[in-house]
Amino acid sequence: MSVAAIATMTTRTGLKVFTTILDKPYQTGRKVAENFKATMKIIFDQHLPQWNYFAKPELQVI
């Protein structure tokens, strides 16, 4: 399925689909700070918080 096809999808109730394609390889072997998870801010959506949320890490210099 193409990105264009995915972007035009909707649900019966009108929910629109958002998609992003990463076109570069993931860098392996990167290290994160030990308290990375502890400082991760989880932001829940107001409509369906049990399904819709995103994680926003604090910017940390290692």
N, C-alpha and C. Protein backbone atom coordinates (compact mmCIF):
# COMPACT_ATOMS: atom_id res chain seq x y z
N MET A 1 0.86 -1.17 0.00
CA MET A 1 0.00 0.00 0.00
C MET A 1 0.90 1.23 0.00
N SER A 2 0.56 2.21 -0.79
CA SER A 2 1.39 3.41 -0.89
C SER A 2 1.05 4.43 0.19
N VAL A 3 1.96 5.36 0.40
CA VAL A 3 1.74 6.43 1.39
C VAL A 3 0.52 7.25 0.99
N ALA A 4 0.37 7.52 -0.29
CA ALA A 4 -0.78 8.31 -0.76
C ALA A 4 -2.08 7.59 -0.45
N ALA A 5 -2.11 6.28 -0.63
CA ALA A 5 -3.32 5.51 -0.34
C ALA A 5 -3.62 5.52 1.16
N ILE A 6 -2.60 5.37 1.98
CA ILE A 6 -2.80 5.38 3.43
C ILE A 6 -3.32 6.74 3.88
N ALA A 7 -2.77 7.81 3.32
CA ALA A 7 -3.14 9.18 3.72
C ALA A 7 -4.59 9.52 3.38
N THR A 8 -5.20 8.82 2.44
CA THR A 8 -6.59 9.11 2.08
C THR A 8 -7.59 8.29 2.87
N MET A 9 -7.14 7.40 3.72
CA MET A 9 -8.03 6.54 4.49
C MET A 9 -8.76 7.32 5.59
N THR A 10 -9.97 6.91 5.88
CA THR A 10 -10.73 7.43 7.00
C THR A 10 -11.53 6.28 7.60
N THR A 11 -12.03 6.47 8.81
CA THR A 11 -12.89 5.48 9.43
C THR A 11 -14.34 5.85 9.15
N ARG A 12 -15.25 5.02 9.53
CA ARG A 12 -16.68 5.30 9.33
C ARG A 12 -17.12 6.56 10.07
N THR A 13 -16.44 6.86 11.17
CA THR A 13 -16.81 8.04 11.95
C THR A 13 -16.05 9.29 11.53
N GLY A 14 -15.19 9.17 10.52
CA GLY A 14 -14.50 10.34 9.99
C GLY A 14 -13.09 10.56 10.48
N LEU A 15 -12.56 9.62 11.28
CA LEU A 15 -11.19 9.75 11.76
C LEU A 15 -10.24 9.65 10.57
N LYS A 16 -9.33 10.60 10.44
CA LYS A 16 -8.38 10.59 9.34
C LYS A 16 -7.06 9.97 9.79
N VAL A 17 -6.40 9.33 8.86
CA VAL A 17 -5.14 8.65 9.12
C VAL A 17 -3.99 9.59 8.81
N PHE A 18 -2.98 9.60 9.67
CA PHE A 18 -1.77 10.37 9.46
C PHE A 18 -0.61 9.40 9.35
N THR A 19 0.23 9.58 8.38
CA THR A 19 1.37 8.68 8.21
C THR A 19 2.63 9.46 7.87
N THR A 20 3.74 8.93 8.31
CA THR A 20 5.04 9.50 7.99
C THR A 20 5.97 8.36 7.60
N ILE A 21 6.70 8.55 6.53
CA ILE A 21 7.66 7.54 6.09
C ILE A 21 9.06 8.08 6.36
N LEU A 22 9.84 7.30 7.08
CA LEU A 22 11.23 7.65 7.32
C LEU A 22 12.05 7.03 6.19
N ASP A 23 12.76 7.86 5.45
CA ASP A 23 13.48 7.35 4.29
C ASP A 23 14.98 7.21 4.52
N LYS A 24 15.39 7.19 5.77
CA LYS A 24 16.80 6.97 6.06
C LYS A 24 16.92 5.82 7.05
N PRO A 25 18.05 5.14 7.06
CA PRO A 25 18.21 3.99 7.98
C PRO A 25 18.31 4.43 9.43
N TYR A 26 17.86 3.57 10.30
CA TYR A 26 17.99 3.82 11.73
C TYR A 26 19.45 3.65 12.13
N GLN A 27 19.91 4.49 13.02
CA GLN A 27 21.27 4.37 13.53
C GLN A 27 21.25 3.38 14.70
N THR A 28 22.08 2.38 14.63
CA THR A 28 22.14 1.38 15.69
C THR A 28 23.28 1.69 16.64
N GLY A 29 23.23 1.12 17.82
CA GLY A 29 24.30 1.27 18.79
C GLY A 29 24.27 2.56 19.58
N ARG A 30 23.21 3.36 19.45
CA ARG A 30 23.13 4.61 20.20
C ARG A 30 22.79 4.32 21.66
N LYS A 31 23.31 5.10 22.55
CA LYS A 31 23.06 4.95 23.98
C LYS A 31 22.12 6.06 24.45
N VAL A 32 21.30 5.77 25.42
CA VAL A 32 20.41 6.77 26.01
C VAL A 32 20.76 6.94 27.48
N ALA A 33 20.36 8.05 28.04
CA ALA A 33 20.62 8.31 29.45
C ALA A 33 19.89 7.27 30.31
N GLU A 34 20.44 6.96 31.46
CA GLU A 34 19.84 5.94 32.34
C GLU A 34 18.44 6.31 32.78
N ASN A 35 18.17 7.59 32.98
CA ASN A 35 16.85 8.01 33.44
C ASN A 35 15.93 8.40 32.29
N PHE A 36 16.22 7.91 31.09
CA PHE A 36 15.44 8.25 29.90
C PHE A 36 13.95 7.95 30.09
N LYS A 37 13.62 6.75 30.52
CA LYS A 37 12.21 6.40 30.72
C LYS A 37 11.58 7.22 31.85
N ALA A 38 12.33 7.49 32.88
CA ALA A 38 11.80 8.23 34.02
C ALA A 38 11.45 9.67 33.65
N THR A 39 12.17 10.22 32.67
CA THR A 39 11.92 11.61 32.28
C THR A 39 11.03 11.72 31.05
N MET A 40 10.54 10.60 30.56
CA MET A 40 9.68 10.59 29.38
C MET A 40 8.29 11.10 29.75
N LYS A 41 7.84 12.11 29.05
CA LYS A 41 6.50 12.65 29.31
C LYS A 41 5.52 12.00 28.34
N ILE A 42 4.47 11.37 28.87
CA ILE A 42 3.44 10.75 28.06
C ILE A 42 2.26 11.72 27.99
N ILE A 43 1.87 12.07 26.77
CA ILE A 43 0.77 13.01 26.57
C ILE A 43 -0.40 12.23 25.97
N PHE A 44 -1.50 12.18 26.72
CA PHE A 44 -2.67 11.42 26.31
C PHE A 44 -3.67 12.31 25.57
N ASP A 45 -4.27 11.76 24.54
CA ASP A 45 -5.29 12.46 23.77
C ASP A 45 -6.55 12.58 24.62
N GLN A 46 -7.32 13.63 24.40
CA GLN A 46 -8.54 13.82 25.17
C GLN A 46 -9.66 12.88 24.75
N HIS A 47 -9.67 12.46 23.48
CA HIS A 47 -10.78 11.65 22.98
C HIS A 47 -10.68 10.18 23.40
N LEU A 48 -9.63 9.51 23.09
CA LEU A 48 -9.45 8.10 23.47
C LEU A 48 -8.05 7.93 24.07
N PRO A 49 -7.86 8.38 25.30
CA PRO A 49 -6.52 8.36 25.87
C PRO A 49 -5.91 6.97 26.01
N GLN A 50 -6.73 5.94 26.10
CA GLN A 50 -6.19 4.59 26.24
C GLN A 50 -5.58 4.11 24.92
N TRP A 51 -5.94 4.74 23.79
CA TRP A 51 -5.40 4.35 22.49
C TRP A 51 -4.53 5.43 21.87
N ASN A 52 -4.81 6.69 22.15
CA ASN A 52 -4.14 7.79 21.48
C ASN A 52 -3.26 8.57 22.45
N TYR A 53 -1.97 8.44 22.27
CA TYR A 53 -1.02 9.15 23.11
C TYR A 53 0.31 9.24 22.37
N PHE A 54 1.18 10.11 22.84
CA PHE A 54 2.53 10.10 22.31
C PHE A 54 3.52 10.38 23.43
N ALA A 55 4.74 9.93 23.22
CA ALA A 55 5.79 10.09 24.21
C ALA A 55 6.68 11.24 23.78
N LYS A 56 6.97 12.13 24.71
CA LYS A 56 7.80 13.30 24.43
C LYS A 56 8.96 13.30 25.42
N PRO A 57 10.14 12.86 24.97
CA PRO A 57 11.28 12.83 25.89
C PRO A 57 11.84 14.23 26.12
N GLU A 58 12.42 14.41 27.29
CA GLU A 58 13.12 15.66 27.57
C GLU A 58 14.44 15.63 26.80
N LEU A 59 14.84 16.76 26.31
CA LEU A 59 16.12 16.86 25.62
C LEU A 59 17.24 16.73 26.64
N GLN A 60 18.08 15.72 26.44
CA GLN A 60 19.18 15.48 27.37
C GLN A 60 20.48 15.39 26.60
N VAL A 61 21.52 15.95 27.15
CA VAL A 61 22.84 15.87 26.57
C VAL A 61 23.61 14.79 27.31
N ILE A 62 24.15 13.86 26.55
CA ILE A 62 24.87 12.72 27.17
C ILE A 62 26.36 12.98 27.08
